[in-house]
Structures are given as C-alpha cells and as structure tokens.
Amino acid sequence: MRTDPHREITQLRTDTDRRFKKVDQRFERMDKRFEQLRADMNQRLEQLYRAINTQTWKMIGGIGLIAVLDRLIERIRTLSGATWDRERNPMPVSIE
C-alpha cells in the first residue's frame, strides 16, 4: 500500500509546526522570566548605587568638615597663644 507523499509532507509540516510552536511558547515564557529578573536586578543595582553614592558623599562631607574644623581649631589656638605638641599629645599642652 502506497501513501500519498503530499499528505505525508503536509502531516510532517503540521507536526513540526506544532512542536516549534510549543518550543516558541517555552522560549517566550523564559524570555518573560529573564526580563523580570533583569528588571529586578537593575532595580537592586540602582538602589545599591544610590546607597553607596549617598554614603560616599556623606563620608567625603564628614572628612571635609573634620579638615575645616581642624584648621579652625588650629587658628583659634594660634590666636589664643596655645602651643600644641602634636607628636606627643593631641590636646594643647599649655596656654601662654
């Protein structure tokens, strides 16, 4: 018994299309999942960047404030006549 080649090709094409459709659906689901993961990662990275950036500027500001206060204290001590031995004691040793 001989089968119709056109019918076999049509059947094969239909089966192949059905399989590819299922595979395409799986890829679409995976794409959506990865897109959501990427969006979540981007959001987390942005939050982390903001936190680090904020902390960095706070530290820079704190260091700058310490430097300014150090110079201010140094000038006040110079104007008041206090001597300061930084090597031995971080506090003034005497006021002249």
Protein backbone atom coordinates (compact mmCIF):
# COMPACT_ATOMS: atom_id res chain seq x y z
CA MET A 1 0.00 0.00 0.00
CA ARG A 2 1.36 3.29 -1.07
CA THR A 3 0.86 6.53 0.88
CA ASP A 4 0.41 9.91 -0.63
CA PRO A 5 3.72 11.87 -0.42
CA HIS A 6 1.93 15.20 -0.42
CA ARG A 7 -0.16 14.10 2.54
CA GLU A 8 2.94 12.84 4.42
CA ILE A 9 4.74 16.11 3.82
CA THR A 10 1.71 18.07 4.97
CA GLN A 11 1.40 15.92 8.08
CA LEU A 12 5.12 16.26 8.82
CA ARG A 13 4.91 20.03 8.36
CA THR A 14 1.90 20.20 10.70
CA ASP A 15 3.67 18.12 13.36
CA THR A 16 6.82 20.19 13.03
CA ASP A 17 4.87 23.45 13.27
CA ARG A 18 3.12 22.20 16.41
CA ARG A 19 6.43 21.24 18.02
CA PHE A 20 8.04 24.55 17.11
CA LYS A 21 5.02 26.39 18.47
CA LYS A 22 5.46 24.63 21.82
CA VAL A 23 9.17 25.41 21.82
CA ASP A 24 8.47 29.05 20.92
CA GLN A 25 5.98 29.28 23.79
CA ARG A 26 8.60 27.94 26.20
CA PHE A 27 11.14 30.47 24.94
CA GLU A 28 8.60 33.28 25.32
CA ARG A 29 7.93 32.23 28.92
CA MET A 30 11.66 32.07 29.61
CA ASP A 31 12.16 35.47 27.96
CA LYS A 32 9.48 36.97 30.20
CA ARG A 33 11.06 35.36 33.25
CA PHE A 34 14.54 36.62 32.36
CA GLU A 35 13.15 40.07 31.57
CA GLN A 36 11.57 40.20 35.03
CA LEU A 37 14.83 39.01 36.63
CA ARG A 38 16.76 41.64 34.67
CA ALA A 39 14.35 44.35 35.77
CA ASP A 40 14.67 43.21 39.40
CA MET A 41 18.46 43.15 39.17
CA ASN A 42 18.53 46.61 37.59
CA GLN A 43 16.33 47.96 40.37
CA ARG A 44 18.51 46.37 43.06
CA LEU A 45 21.69 47.66 41.44
CA GLU A 46 20.21 51.14 41.23
CA GLN A 47 19.25 51.03 44.92
CA LEU A 48 22.73 49.79 45.83
CA TYR A 49 24.35 52.52 43.72
CA ARG A 50 22.23 55.20 45.39
CA ALA A 51 23.06 53.89 48.86
CA ILE A 52 26.79 53.73 48.12
CA ASN A 53 26.75 57.14 46.43
CA THR A 54 24.91 58.70 49.37
CA GLN A 55 27.26 57.13 51.91
CA THR A 56 30.31 58.17 49.88
CA TRP A 57 29.22 61.80 49.78
CA LYS A 58 28.43 61.71 53.50
CA MET A 59 31.93 60.38 54.18
CA ILE A 60 33.52 62.99 51.91
CA GLY A 61 31.50 65.69 53.63
CA GLY A 62 32.45 64.35 57.05
CA ILE A 63 36.14 64.30 56.17
CA GLY A 64 35.89 67.81 54.76
CA LEU A 65 34.15 69.00 57.92
CA ILE A 66 36.86 67.43 60.07
CA ALA A 67 39.57 69.17 58.00
CA VAL A 68 37.80 72.54 58.24
CA LEU A 69 37.27 72.16 61.99
CA ASP A 70 40.93 71.15 62.44
CA ARG A 71 42.09 74.32 60.68
CA LEU A 72 39.62 76.41 62.66
CA ILE A 73 40.81 74.94 65.96
CA GLU A 74 44.43 75.43 64.87
CA ARG A 75 43.78 79.12 64.11
CA ILE A 76 41.90 79.63 67.38
CA ARG A 77 44.79 78.09 69.30
CA THR A 78 47.30 80.17 67.36
CA LEU A 79 45.33 83.35 68.08
CA SER A 80 44.92 82.46 71.76
CA GLY A 81 48.61 81.65 72.17
CA ALA A 82 48.20 77.95 72.95
CA THR A 83 51.02 75.63 71.99
CA TRP A 84 50.30 72.18 70.74
CA ASP A 85 52.69 69.27 70.56
CA ARG A 86 51.00 67.02 68.01
CA GLU A 87 53.68 64.34 68.29
CA ARG A 88 53.13 63.65 71.98
CA ASN A 89 49.63 64.78 72.77
CA PRO A 90 46.70 65.60 70.51
CA MET A 91 45.50 68.17 73.06
CA PRO A 92 47.10 71.56 73.85
CA VAL A 93 49.87 71.32 76.45
CA SER A 94 49.81 74.87 77.69
CA ILE A 95 48.36 78.29 77.14
CA GLU A 96 50.96 81.06 77.20
